[in-house]
Amino acid sequence: MIEMSKFIKPRKVVLVLAGPHSGRKAVIVKNIDDGNSDHPNSHALVAGIDHYPYKMTAAMGKKKTAKRSFFRSFLKVYNYNHLMCTKYSMAIPLDKTVVSKDVCRDPDLKCEGWREAKV
């Protein structure tokens, strides 16, 4: 019997296919191949970019450049069916204590997770 290799691994770049962040790029922080009590199916915690920065030119001033360089990140648990894996991977140093599945439950901790994911 042939066994398939796992291709959904941490630090892999994925595209989100469904939900409020569909079409956005994200990175897998932690993957859970077997379900648990919260999510019965295989799923992954992803960190991605919710709002991309706009294009800037050299003629723009400091205030406009600062406003256009703003971006927002997100943390969310997604089912594998709603993610499309790419061939790319990133070496990102995420603090596992700040960015975890427990962060998604508490709003105050979620803000700290967003800040850590931005780095």
PDB file of N, CA and C in Angstrom:
ATOM      1  N   MET A   1       0.834  -1.180   0.000  1.00  0.00           N
ATOM      2  CA  MET A   1       0.000   0.000   0.000  1.00  0.00           C
ATOM      3  C   MET A   1       0.883   1.248   0.000  1.00  0.00           C
ATOM      4  N   ILE A   2       0.552   2.189  -0.851  1.00  0.00           N
ATOM      5  CA  ILE A   2       1.327   3.423  -0.973  1.00  0.00           C
ATOM      6  C   ILE A   2       0.772   4.451   0.006  1.00  0.00           C
ATOM      7  N   GLU A   3       1.695   5.066   0.751  1.00  0.00           N
ATOM      8  CA  GLU A   3       1.284   6.079   1.713  1.00  0.00           C
ATOM      9  C   GLU A   3       1.656   7.447   1.173  1.00  0.00           C
ATOM     10  N   MET A   4       0.724   8.391   1.228  1.00  0.00           N
ATOM     11  CA  MET A   4       0.992   9.741   0.721  1.00  0.00           C
ATOM     12  C   MET A   4       1.816  10.517   1.738  1.00  0.00           C
ATOM     13  N   SER A   5       2.714  11.342   1.238  1.00  0.00           N
ATOM     14  CA  SER A   5       3.510  12.181   2.124  1.00  0.00           C
ATOM     15  C   SER A   5       2.692  13.401   2.543  1.00  0.00           C
ATOM     16  N   LYS A   6       3.008  13.911   3.725  1.00  0.00           N
ATOM     17  CA  LYS A   6       2.312  15.099   4.214  1.00  0.00           C
ATOM     18  C   LYS A   6       2.895  16.329   3.537  1.00  0.00           C
ATOM     19  N   PHE A   7       2.045  17.140   2.969  1.00  0.00           N
ATOM     20  CA  PHE A   7       2.539  18.360   2.335  1.00  0.00           C
ATOM     21  C   PHE A   7       2.026  19.599   3.042  1.00  0.00           C
ATOM     22  N   ILE A   8       1.076  19.457   3.955  1.00  0.00           N
ATOM     23  CA  ILE A   8       0.614  20.599   4.745  1.00  0.00           C
ATOM     24  C   ILE A   8       1.387  20.553   6.062  1.00  0.00           C
ATOM     25  N   LYS A   9       2.434  21.380   6.121  1.00  0.00           N
ATOM     26  CA  LYS A   9       3.334  21.409   7.258  1.00  0.00           C
ATOM     27  C   LYS A   9       3.449  22.835   7.768  1.00  0.00           C
ATOM     28  N   PRO A  10       3.942  23.023   8.990  1.00  0.00           N
ATOM     29  CA  PRO A  10       4.180  24.388   9.471  1.00  0.00           C
ATOM     30  C   PRO A  10       5.167  25.133   8.582  1.00  0.00           C
ATOM     31  N   ARG A  11       4.995  26.448   8.508  1.00  0.00           N
ATOM     32  CA  ARG A  11       5.796  27.389   7.702  1.00  0.00           C
ATOM     33  C   ARG A  11       5.567  27.244   6.206  1.00  0.00           C
ATOM     34  N   LYS A  12       4.521  26.534   5.780  1.00  0.00           N
ATOM     35  CA  LYS A  12       4.188  26.398   4.365  1.00  0.00           C
ATOM     36  C   LYS A  12       3.247  27.531   3.987  1.00  0.00           C
ATOM     37  N   VAL A  13       3.448  28.144   2.836  1.00  0.00           N
ATOM     38  CA  VAL A  13       2.584  29.221   2.357  1.00  0.00           C
ATOM     39  C   VAL A  13       1.347  28.603   1.712  1.00  0.00           C
ATOM     40  N   VAL A  14       0.171  29.111   2.091  1.00  0.00           N
ATOM     41  CA  VAL A  14      -1.090  28.605   1.557  1.00  0.00           C
ATOM     42  C   VAL A  14      -1.948  29.771   1.084  1.00  0.00           C
ATOM     43  N   LEU A  15      -2.919  29.458   0.251  1.00  0.00           N
ATOM     44  CA  LEU A  15      -3.945  30.413  -0.146  1.00  0.00           C
ATOM     45  C   LEU A  15      -5.238  30.005   0.530  1.00  0.00           C
ATOM     46  N   VAL A  16      -5.938  30.969   1.105  1.00  0.00           N
ATOM     47  CA  VAL A  16      -7.214  30.695   1.754  1.00  0.00           C
ATOM     48  C   VAL A  16      -8.293  30.728   0.685  1.00  0.00           C
ATOM     49  N   LEU A  17      -9.096  29.662   0.614  1.00  0.00           N
ATOM     50  CA  LEU A  17     -10.094  29.530  -0.447  1.00  0.00           C
ATOM     51  C   LEU A  17     -11.500  29.923  -0.018  1.00  0.00           C
ATOM     52  N   ALA A  18     -11.808  29.863   1.271  1.00  0.00           N
ATOM     53  CA  ALA A  18     -13.175  30.133   1.722  1.00  0.00           C
ATOM     54  C   ALA A  18     -13.155  31.002   2.974  1.00  0.00           C
ATOM     55  N   GLY A  19     -14.263  31.665   3.219  1.00  0.00           N
ATOM     56  CA  GLY A  19     -14.401  32.480   4.419  1.00  0.00           C
ATOM     57  C   GLY A  19     -14.118  33.947   4.165  1.00  0.00           C
ATOM     58  N   PRO A  20     -14.054  34.716   5.235  1.00  0.00           N
ATOM     59  CA  PRO A  20     -13.863  36.164   5.089  1.00  0.00           C
ATOM     60  C   PRO A  20     -12.482  36.550   4.556  1.00  0.00           C
ATOM     61  N   HIS A  21     -11.517  35.653   4.640  1.00  0.00           N
ATOM     62  CA  HIS A  21     -10.166  35.945   4.163  1.00  0.00           C
ATOM     63  C   HIS A  21      -9.848  35.199   2.877  1.00  0.00           C
ATOM     64  N   SER A  22     -10.869  34.858   2.095  1.00  0.00           N
ATOM     65  CA  SER A  22     -10.634  34.082   0.873  1.00  0.00           C
ATOM     66  C   SER A  22      -9.794  34.893  -0.116  1.00  0.00           C
ATOM     67  N   GLY A  23      -8.863  34.209  -0.764  1.00  0.00           N
ATOM     68  CA  GLY A  23      -7.971  34.850  -1.701  1.00  0.00           C
ATOM     69  C   GLY A  23      -6.722  35.430  -1.068  1.00  0.00           C
ATOM     70  N   ARG A  24      -6.614  35.364   0.240  1.00  0.00           N
ATOM     71  CA  ARG A  24      -5.454  35.922   0.937  1.00  0.00           C
ATOM     72  C   ARG A  24      -4.375  34.867   1.111  1.00  0.00           C
ATOM     73  N   LYS A  25      -3.143  35.334   1.200  1.00  0.00           N
ATOM     74  CA  LYS A  25      -2.021  34.442   1.457  1.00  0.00           C
ATOM     75  C   LYS A  25      -1.827  34.304   2.957  1.00  0.00           C
ATOM     76  N   ALA A  26      -1.418  33.113   3.373  1.00  0.00           N
ATOM     77  CA  ALA A  26      -1.196  32.851   4.789  1.00  0.00           C
ATOM     78  C   ALA A  26      -0.076  31.830   4.941  1.00  0.00           C
ATOM     79  N   VAL A  27       0.391  31.691   6.175  1.00  0.00           N
ATOM     80  CA  VAL A  27       1.428  30.728   6.513  1.00  0.00           C
ATOM     81  C   VAL A  27       0.893  29.829   7.615  1.00  0.00           C
ATOM     82  N   ILE A  28       1.116  28.533   7.479  1.00  0.00           N
ATOM     83  CA  ILE A  28       0.646  27.591   8.496  1.00  0.00           C
ATOM     84  C   ILE A  28       1.550  27.697   9.716  1.00  0.00           C
ATOM     85  N   VAL A  29       0.930  27.950  10.872  1.00  0.00           N
ATOM     86  CA  VAL A  29       1.659  28.028  12.135  1.00  0.00           C
ATOM     87  C   VAL A  29       1.716  26.649  12.772  1.00  0.00           C
ATOM     88  N   LYS A  30       0.561  25.972  12.810  1.00  0.00           N
ATOM     89  CA  LYS A  30       0.496  24.633  13.398  1.00  0.00           C
ATOM     90  C   LYS A  30      -0.560  23.839  12.655  1.00  0.00           C
ATOM     91  N   ASN A  31      -0.257  22.588  12.352  1.00  0.00           N
ATOM     92  CA  ASN A  31      -1.241  21.742  11.687  1.00  0.00           C
ATOM     93  C   ASN A  31      -1.639  20.587  12.603  1.00  0.00           C
ATOM     94  N   ILE A  32      -2.904  20.208  12.543  1.00  0.00           N
ATOM     95  CA  ILE A  32      -3.442  19.091  13.308  1.00  0.00           C
ATOM     96  C   ILE A  32      -4.069  18.131  12.306  1.00  0.00           C
ATOM     97  N   ASP A  33      -3.384  17.019  12.036  1.00  0.00           N
ATOM     98  CA  ASP A  33      -3.859  16.063  11.032  1.00  0.00           C
ATOM     99  C   ASP A  33      -5.072  15.281  11.520  1.00  0.00           C
ATOM    100  N   ASP A  34      -5.083  14.917  12.780  1.00  0.00           N
ATOM    101  CA  ASP A  34      -6.251  14.244  13.356  1.00  0.00           C
ATOM    102  C   ASP A  34      -7.074  15.295  14.071  1.00  0.00           C
ATOM    103  N   GLY A  35      -8.370  15.153  14.022  1.00  0.00           N
ATOM    104  CA  GLY A  35      -9.226  16.138  14.677  1.00  0.00           C
ATOM    105  C   GLY A  35      -9.111  16.071  16.191  1.00  0.00           C
ATOM    106  N   ASN A  36      -9.715  17.040  16.851  1.00  0.00           N
ATOM    107  CA  ASN A  36      -9.795  17.025  18.310  1.00  0.00           C
ATOM    108  C   ASN A  36     -11.217  17.384  18.718  1.00  0.00           C
ATOM    109  N   SER A  37     -11.427  17.678  19.995  1.00  0.00           N
ATOM    110  CA  SER A  37     -12.789  17.930  20.474  1.00  0.00           C
ATOM    111  C   SER A  37     -13.382  19.213  19.879  1.00  0.00           C
ATOM    112  N   ASP A  38     -12.562  20.224  19.621  1.00  0.00           N
ATOM    113  CA  ASP A  38     -13.057  21.483  19.052  1.00  0.00           C
ATOM    114  C   ASP A  38     -13.407  21.333  17.573  1.00  0.00           C
ATOM    115  N   HIS A  39     -12.481  20.761  16.806  1.00  0.00           N
ATOM    116  CA  HIS A  39     -12.668  20.579  15.366  1.00  0.00           C
ATOM    117  C   HIS A  39     -12.468  19.102  15.042  1.00  0.00           C
ATOM    118  N   PRO A  40     -13.524  18.385  14.652  1.00  0.00           N
ATOM    119  CA  PRO A  40     -13.388  16.938  14.431  1.00  0.00           C
ATOM    120  C   PRO A  40     -12.553  16.548  13.215  1.00  0.00           C
ATOM    121  N   ASN A  41     -12.381  17.442  12.249  1.00  0.00           N
ATOM    122  CA  ASN A  41     -11.618  17.129  11.043  1.00  0.00           C
ATOM    123  C   ASN A  41     -10.211  17.707  11.131  1.00  0.00           C
ATOM    124  N   SER A  42      -9.377  17.354  10.156  1.00  0.00           N
ATOM    125  CA  SER A  42      -8.015  17.885  10.125  1.00  0.00           C
ATOM    126  C   SER A  42      -8.072  19.386   9.820  1.00  0.00           C
ATOM    127  N   HIS A  43      -7.243  20.149  10.525  1.00  0.00           N
ATOM    128  CA  HIS A  43      -7.276  21.601  10.405  1.00  0.00           C
ATOM    129  C   HIS A  43      -5.902  22.180  10.709  1.00  0.00           C
ATOM    130  N   ALA A  44      -5.764  23.477  10.465  1.00  0.00           N
ATOM    131  CA  ALA A  44      -4.489  24.162  10.687  1.00  0.00           C
ATOM    132  C   ALA A  44      -4.728  25.579  11.196  1.00  0.00           C
ATOM    133  N   LEU A  45      -3.842  26.025  12.068  1.00  0.00           N
ATOM    134  CA  LEU A  45      -3.841  27.416  12.514  1.00  0.00           C
ATOM    135  C   LEU A  45      -2.958  28.192  11.546  1.00  0.00           C
ATOM    136  N   VAL A  46      -3.516  29.224  10.913  1.00  0.00           N
ATOM    137  CA  VAL A  46      -2.777  29.996   9.926  1.00  0.00           C
ATOM    138  C   VAL A  46      -2.685  31.461  10.351  1.00  0.00           C
ATOM    139  N   ALA A  47      -1.596  32.096   9.962  1.00  0.00           N
ATOM    140  CA  ALA A  47      -1.392  33.533  10.155  1.00  0.00           C
ATOM    141  C   ALA A  47      -1.164  34.130   8.780  1.00  0.00           C
ATOM    142  N   GLY A  48      -1.915  35.178   8.465  1.00  0.00           N
ATOM    143  CA  GLY A  48      -1.809  35.745   7.130  1.00  0.00           C
ATOM    144  C   GLY A  48      -2.015  37.242   7.108  1.00  0.00           C
ATOM    145  N   ILE A  49      -2.010  37.786   5.898  1.00  0.00           N
ATOM    146  CA  ILE A  49      -2.185  39.222   5.694  1.00  0.00           C
ATOM    147  C   ILE A  49      -3.618  39.480   5.266  1.00  0.00           C
ATOM    148  N   ASP A  50      -4.331  40.265   6.081  1.00  0.00           N
ATOM    149  CA  ASP A  50      -5.728  40.598   5.802  1.00  0.00           C
ATOM    150  C   ASP A  50      -5.841  41.817   4.900  1.00  0.00           C
ATOM    151  N   HIS A  51      -5.000  42.814   5.121  1.00  0.00           N
ATOM    152  CA  HIS A  51      -5.033  44.050   4.340  1.00  0.00           C
ATOM    153  C   HIS A  51      -3.627  44.339   3.851  1.00  0.00           C
ATOM    154  N   TYR A  52      -3.424  44.280   2.539  1.00  0.00           N
ATOM    155  CA  TYR A  52      -2.105  44.496   1.955  1.00  0.00           C
ATOM    156  C   TYR A  52      -1.784  45.983   1.854  1.00  0.00           C
ATOM    157  N   PRO A  53      -0.497  46.367   1.894  1.00  0.00           N
ATOM    158  CA  PRO A  53      -0.147  47.768   1.691  1.00  0.00           C
ATOM    159  C   PRO A  53      -0.347  48.187   0.239  1.00  0.00           C
ATOM    160  N   TYR A  54      -0.616  49.470   0.032  1.00  0.00           N
ATOM    161  CA  TYR A  54      -0.828  50.001  -1.307  1.00  0.00           C
ATOM    162  C   TYR A  54       0.495  50.347  -1.981  1.00  0.00           C
ATOM    163  N   LYS A  55       0.432  50.564  -3.287  1.00  0.00           N
ATOM    164  CA  LYS A  55       1.611  50.952  -4.058  1.00  0.00           C
ATOM    165  C   LYS A  55       2.008  52.378  -3.688  1.00  0.00           C
ATOM    166  N   MET A  56       3.324  52.613  -3.602  1.00  0.00           N
ATOM    167  CA  MET A  56       3.822  53.933  -3.264  1.00  0.00           C
ATOM    168  C   MET A  56       4.824  54.393  -4.315  1.00  0.00           C
ATOM    169  N   THR A  57       4.949  55.693  -4.453  1.00  0.00           N
ATOM    170  CA  THR A  57       5.925  56.276  -5.373  1.00  0.00           C
ATOM    171  C   THR A  57       6.862  57.195  -4.593  1.00  0.00           C
ATOM    172  N   ALA A  58       7.949  57.600  -5.224  1.00  0.00           N
ATOM    173  CA  ALA A  58       8.936  58.456  -4.566  1.00  0.00           C
ATOM    174  C   ALA A  58       8.399  59.856  -4.317  1.00  0.00           C
ATOM    175  N   ALA A  59       7.411  60.283  -5.092  1.00  0.00           N
ATOM    176  CA  ALA A  59       6.881  61.639  -4.964  1.00  0.00           C
ATOM    177  C   ALA A  59       5.968  61.805  -3.753  1.00  0.00           C
ATOM    178  N   MET A  60       5.530  60.715  -3.137  1.00  0.00           N
ATOM    179  CA  MET A  60       4.610  60.805  -1.996  1.00  0.00           C
ATOM    180  C   MET A  60       5.343  61.269  -0.746  1.00  0.00           C
ATOM    181  N   GLY A  61       4.628  62.030   0.063  1.00  0.00           N
ATOM    182  CA  GLY A  61       5.200  62.536   1.307  1.00  0.00           C
ATOM    183  C   GLY A  61       5.233  61.479   2.397  1.00  0.00           C
ATOM    184  N   LYS A  62       5.791  61.872   3.561  1.00  0.00           N
ATOM    185  CA  LYS A  62       5.925  60.933   4.674  1.00  0.00           C
ATOM    186  C   LYS A  62       4.573  60.491   5.224  1.00  0.00           C
ATOM    187  N   LYS A  63       3.643  61.437   5.313  1.00  0.00           N
ATOM    188  CA  LYS A  63       2.333  61.121   5.878  1.00  0.00           C
ATOM    189  C   LYS A  63       1.579  60.131   4.986  1.00  0.00           C
ATOM    190  N   LYS A  64       1.600  60.383   3.689  1.00  0.00           N
ATOM    191  CA  LYS A  64       0.895  59.503   2.752  1.00  0.00           C
ATOM    192  C   LYS A  64       1.585  58.139   2.668  1.00  0.00           C
ATOM    193  N   THR A  65       2.904  58.135   2.721  1.00  0.00           N
ATOM    194  CA  THR A  65       3.647  56.882   2.691  1.00  0.00           C
ATOM    195  C   THR A  65       3.328  56.037   3.912  1.00  0.00           C
ATOM    196  N   ALA A  66       3.244  56.682   5.081  1.00  0.00           N
ATOM    197  CA  ALA A  66       2.926  55.956   6.311  1.00  0.00           C
ATOM    198  C   ALA A  66       1.515  55.375   6.257  1.00  0.00           C
ATOM    199  N   LYS A  67       0.593  56.125   5.680  1.00  0.00           N
ATOM    200  CA  LYS A  67      -0.792  55.662   5.591  1.00  0.00           C
ATOM    201  C   LYS A  67      -0.930  54.500   4.603  1.00  0.00           C
ATOM    202  N   ARG A  68      -0.217  54.580   3.496  1.00  0.00           N
ATOM    203  CA  ARG A  68      -0.337  53.543   2.461  1.00  0.00           C
ATOM    204  C   ARG A  68       0.458  52.285   2.781  1.00  0.00           C
ATOM    205  N   SER A  69       1.404  52.365   3.709  1.00  0.00           N
ATOM    206  CA  SER A  69       2.208  51.192   4.054  1.00  0.00           C
ATOM    207  C   SER A  69       1.558  50.348   5.159  1.00  0.00           C
ATOM    208  N   PHE A  70       0.381  50.722   5.611  1.00  0.00           N
ATOM    209  CA  PHE A  70      -0.339  49.997   6.660  1.00  0.00           C
ATOM    210  C   PHE A  70      -0.781  48.621   6.157  1.00  0.00           C
ATOM    211  N   PHE A  71      -0.633  47.607   6.985  1.00  0.00           N
ATOM    212  CA  PHE A  71      -1.204  46.302   6.673  1.00  0.00           C
ATOM    213  C   PHE A  71      -1.715  45.658   7.949  1.00  0.00           C
ATOM    214  N   ARG A  72      -2.666  44.753   7.799  1.00  0.00           N
ATOM    215  CA  ARG A  72      -3.315  44.089   8.929  1.00  0.00           C
ATOM    216  C   ARG A  72      -3.155  42.582   8.770  1.00  0.00           C
ATOM    217  N   SER A  73      -2.890  41.904   9.872  1.00  0.00           N
ATOM    218  CA  SER A  73      -2.726  40.448   9.832  1.00  0.00           C
ATOM    219  C   SER A  73      -3.939  39.764  10.461  1.00  0.00           C
ATOM    220  N   PHE A  74      -4.029  38.453  10.251  1.00  0.00           N
ATOM    221  CA  PHE A  74      -5.107  37.674  10.873  1.00  0.00           C
ATOM    222  C   PHE A  74      -4.585  36.325  11.343  1.00  0.00           C
ATOM    223  N   LEU A  75      -5.267  35.768  12.341  1.00  0.00           N
ATOM    224  CA  LEU A  75      -5.015  34.421  12.849  1.00  0.00           C
ATOM    225  C   LEU A  75      -6.330  33.675  12.812  1.00  0.00           C
ATOM    226  N   LYS A  76      -6.337  32.483  12.248  1.00  0.00           N
ATOM    227  CA  LYS A  76      -7.594  31.740  12.148  1.00  0.00           C
ATOM    228  C   LYS A  76      -7.297  30.256  11.999  1.00  0.00           C
ATOM    229  N   VAL A  77      -8.240  29.439  12.477  1.00  0.00           N
ATOM    230  CA  VAL A  77      -8.158  27.990  12.308  1.00  0.00           C
ATOM    231  C   VAL A  77      -8.988  27.622  11.086  1.00  0.00           C
ATOM    232  N   TYR A  78      -8.369  26.962  10.107  1.00  0.00           N
ATOM    233  CA  TYR A  78      -9.049  26.576   8.875  1.00  0.00           C
ATOM    234  C   TYR A  78      -8.979  25.077   8.667  1.00  0.00           C
ATOM    235  N   ASN A  79     -10.042  24.526   8.095  1.00  0.00           N
ATOM    236  CA  ASN A  79     -10.060  23.142   7.650  1.00  0.00           C
ATOM    237  C   ASN A  79      -9.141  23.021   6.440  1.00  0.00           C
ATOM    238  N   TYR A  80      -8.530  21.835   6.283  1.00  0.00           N
ATOM    239  CA  TYR A  80      -7.633  21.631   5.144  1.00  0.00           C
ATOM    240  C   TYR A  80      -8.338  21.840   3.799  1.00  0.00           C
ATOM    241  N   ASN A  81      -9.638  21.571   3.742  1.00  0.00           N
ATOM    242  CA  ASN A  81     -10.377  21.723   2.493  1.00  0.00           C
ATOM    243  C   ASN A  81     -10.449  23.178   2.038  1.00  0.00           C
ATOM    244  N   HIS A  82     -10.253  24.117   2.950  1.00  0.00           N
ATOM    245  CA  HIS A  82     -10.364  25.535   2.619  1.00  0.00           C
ATOM    246  C   HIS A  82      -9.002  26.193   2.407  1.00  0.00           C
ATOM    247  N   LEU A  83      -7.950  25.379   2.307  1.00  0.00           N
ATOM    248  CA  LEU A  83      -6.604  25.891   2.076  1.00  0.00           C
ATOM    249  C   LEU A  83      -6.017  25.249   0.833  1.00  0.00           C
ATOM    250  N   MET A  84      -5.303  26.039   0.034  1.00  0.00           N
ATOM    251  CA  MET A  84      -4.579  25.494  -1.109  1.00  0.00           C
ATOM    252  C   MET A  84      -3.091  25.712  -0.862  1.00  0.00           C
ATOM    253  N   CYS A  85      -2.378  24.618  -0.744  1.00  0.00           N
ATOM    254  CA  CYS A  85      -0.957  24.657  -0.423  1.00  0.00           C
ATOM    255  C   CYS A  85      -0.147  25.072  -1.652  1.00  0.00           C
ATOM    256  N   THR A  86       0.898  25.873  -1.450  1.00  0.00           N
ATOM    257  CA  THR A  86       1.793  26.258  -2.536  1.00  0.00           C
ATOM    258  C   THR A  86       3.121  25.545  -2.354  1.00  0.00           C
ATOM    259  N   LYS A  87       4.019  25.715  -3.294  1.00  0.00           N
ATOM    260  CA  LYS A  87       5.328  25.068  -3.189  1.00  0.00           C
ATOM    261  C   LYS A  87       6.289  25.862  -2.313  1.00  0.00           C
ATOM    262  N   TYR A  88       5.885  27.028  -1.861  1.00  0.00           N
ATOM    263  CA  TYR A  88       6.768  27.903  -1.098  1.00  0.00           C
ATOM    264  C   TYR A  88       6.645  27.664   0.400  1.00  0.00           C
ATOM    265  N   SER A  89       7.740  27.915   1.110  1.00  0.00           N
ATOM    266  CA  SER A  89       7.728  27.866   2.569  1.00  0.00           C
ATOM    267  C   SER A  89       8.531  29.055   3.073  1.00  0.00           C
ATOM    268  N   MET A  90       8.226  29.475   4.306  1.00  0.00           N
ATOM    269  CA  MET A  90       8.876  30.650   4.887  1.00  0.00           C
ATOM    270  C   MET A  90       9.508  30.281   6.218  1.00  0.00           C
ATOM    271  N   ALA A  91      10.651  30.850   6.479  1.00  0.00           N
ATOM    272  CA  ALA A  91      11.313  30.674   7.769  1.00  0.00           C
ATOM    273  C   ALA A  91      10.961  31.879   8.631  1.00  0.00           C
ATOM    274  N   ILE A  92       9.822  31.790   9.322  1.00  0.00           N
ATOM    275  CA  ILE A  92       9.376  32.908  10.147  1.00  0.00           C
ATOM    276  C   ILE A  92       9.508  32.536  11.617  1.00  0.00           C
ATOM    277  N   PRO A  93      10.054  33.415  12.427  1.00  0.00           N
ATOM    278  CA  PRO A  93      10.190  33.119  13.862  1.00  0.00           C
ATOM    279  C   PRO A  93       8.947  33.565  14.630  1.00  0.00           C
ATOM    280  N   LEU A  94       7.957  32.705  14.744  1.00  0.00           N
ATOM    281  CA  LEU A  94       6.751  33.038  15.512  1.00  0.00           C
ATOM    282  C   LEU A  94       6.879  32.475  16.925  1.00  0.00           C
ATOM    283  N   ASP A  95       6.496  33.278  17.909  1.00  0.00           N
ATOM    284  CA  ASP A  95       6.515  32.842  19.296  1.00  0.00           C
ATOM    285  C   ASP A  95       5.314  31.927  19.531  1.00  0.00           C
ATOM    286  N   LYS A  96       5.559  30.646  19.794  1.00  0.00           N
ATOM    287  CA  LYS A  96       4.482  29.655  19.920  1.00  0.00           C
ATOM    288  C   LYS A  96       3.612  29.899  21.153  1.00  0.00           C
ATOM    289  N   THR A  97       4.127  30.609  22.158  1.00  0.00           N
ATOM    290  CA  THR A  97       3.312  30.886  23.337  1.00  0.00           C
ATOM    291  C   THR A  97       2.283  31.974  23.057  1.00  0.00           C
ATOM    292  N   VAL A  98       2.639  32.923  22.177  1.00  0.00           N
ATOM    293  CA  VAL A  98       1.718  34.011  21.840  1.00  0.00           C
ATOM    294  C   VAL A  98       0.766  33.595  20.729  1.00  0.00           C
ATOM    295  N   VAL A  99       1.276  32.873  19.724  1.00  0.00           N
ATOM    296  CA  VAL A  99       0.463  32.456  18.588  1.00  0.00           C
ATOM    297  C   VAL A  99       0.124  30.977  18.753  1.00  0.00           C
ATOM    298  N   SER A 100      -1.088  30.705  19.254  1.00  0.00           N
ATOM    299  CA  SER A 100      -1.544  29.332  19.440  1.00  0.00           C
ATOM    300  C   SER A 100      -3.053  29.279  19.232  1.00  0.00           C
ATOM    301  N   LYS A 101      -3.625  28.068  19.309  1.00  0.00           N
ATOM    302  CA  LYS A 101      -5.064  27.925  19.108  1.00  0.00           C
ATOM    303  C   LYS A 101      -5.868  28.582  20.227  1.00  0.00           C
ATOM    304  N   ASP A 102      -5.301  28.652  21.435  1.00  0.00           N
ATOM    305  CA  ASP A 102      -5.996  29.268  22.562  1.00  0.00           C
ATOM    306  C   ASP A 102      -6.170  30.766  22.358  1.00  0.00           C
ATOM    307  N   VAL A 103      -5.311  31.371  21.567  1.00  0.00           N
ATOM    308  CA  VAL A 103      -5.383  32.807  21.296  1.00  0.00           C
ATOM    309  C   VAL A 103      -6.683  33.152  20.581  1.00  0.00           C
ATOM    310  N   CYS A 104      -7.164  32.271  19.730  1.00  0.00           N
ATOM    311  CA  CYS A 104      -8.360  32.552  18.933  1.00  0.00           C
ATOM    312  C   CYS A 104      -9.623  32.655  19.786  1.00  0.00           C
ATOM    313  N   ARG A 105      -9.587  32.165  21.005  1.00  0.00           N
ATOM    314  CA  ARG A 105     -10.778  32.195  21.865  1.00  0.00           C
ATOM    315  C   ARG A 105     -10.926  33.500  22.644  1.00  0.00           C
ATOM    316  N   ASP A 106      -9.819  34.110  23.059  1.00  0.00           N
ATOM    317  CA  ASP A 106      -9.858  35.308  23.894  1.00  0.00           C
ATOM    318  C   ASP A 106      -9.524  36.548  23.056  1.00  0.00           C
ATOM    319  N   PRO A 107     -10.402  37.569  23.042  1.00  0.00           N
ATOM    320  CA  PRO A 107     -10.164  38.765  22.208  1.00  0.00           C
ATOM    321  C   PRO A 107      -8.893  39.534  22.562  1.00  0.00           C
ATOM    322  N   ASP A 108      -8.551  39.624  23.866  1.00  0.00           N
ATOM    323  CA  ASP A 108      -7.342  40.359  24.254  1.00  0.00           C
ATOM    324  C   ASP A 108      -6.083  39.647  23.783  1.00  0.00           C
ATOM    325  N   LEU A 109      -6.071  38.330  23.925  1.00  0.00           N
ATOM    326  CA  LEU A 109      -4.913  37.565  23.468  1.00  0.00           C
ATOM    327  C   LEU A 109      -4.820  37.557  21.945  1.00  0.00           C
ATOM    328  N   LYS A 110      -5.978  37.672  21.274  1.00  0.00           N
ATOM    329  CA  LYS A 110      -5.997  37.677  19.811  1.00  0.00           C
ATOM    330  C   LYS A 110      -5.262  38.898  19.270  1.00  0.00           C
ATOM    331  N   CYS A 111      -5.416  40.047  19.925  1.00  0.00           N
ATOM    332  CA  CYS A 111      -4.704  41.259  19.505  1.00  0.00           C
ATOM    333  C   CYS A 111      -3.196  41.071  19.616  1.00  0.00           C
ATOM    334  N   GLU A 112      -2.743  40.415  20.711  1.00  0.00           N
ATOM    335  CA  GLU A 112      -1.319  40.150  20.878  1.00  0.00           C
ATOM    336  C   GLU A 112      -0.832  39.182  19.784  1.00  0.00           C
ATOM    337  N   GLY A 113      -1.662  38.220  19.440  1.00  0.00           N
ATOM    338  CA  GLY A 113      -1.315  37.280  18.377  1.00  0.00           C
ATOM    339  C   GLY A 113      -1.195  37.965  17.040  1.00  0.00           C
ATOM    340  N   TRP A 114      -2.088  38.922  16.754  1.00  0.00           N
ATOM    341  CA  TRP A 114      -2.012  39.690  15.500  1.00  0.00           C
ATOM    342  C   TRP A 114      -0.697  40.452  15.421  1.00  0.00           C
ATOM    343  N   ARG A 115      -0.319  41.084  16.560  1.00  0.00           N
ATOM    344  CA  ARG A 115       0.920  41.856  16.582  1.00  0.00           C
ATOM    345  C   ARG A 115       2.133  40.955  16.350  1.00  0.00           C
ATOM    346  N   GLU A 116       2.107  39.774  16.942  1.00  0.00           N
ATOM    347  CA  GLU A 116       3.222  38.834  16.769  1.00  0.00           C
ATOM    348  C   GLU A 116       3.259  38.313  15.332  1.00  0.00           C
ATOM    349  N   ALA A 117       2.090  38.108  14.713  1.00  0.00           N
ATOM    350  CA  ALA A 117       2.034  37.626  13.342  1.00  0.00           C
ATOM    351  C   ALA A 117       2.492  38.696  12.357  1.00  0.00           C
ATOM    352  N   LYS A 118       2.356  39.971  12.705  1.00  0.00           N
ATOM    353  CA  LYS A 118       2.795  41.056  11.832  1.00  0.00           C
ATOM    354  C   LYS A 118       4.305  41.066  11.674  1.00  0.00           C
ATOM    355  N   VAL A 119       5.003  40.681  12.725  1.00  0.00           N
ATOM    356  CA  VAL A 119       6.468  40.697  12.704  1.00  0.00           C
ATOM    357  C   VAL A 119       6.940  39.658  11.718  1.00  0.00           C
TER     358      VAL A 119
END
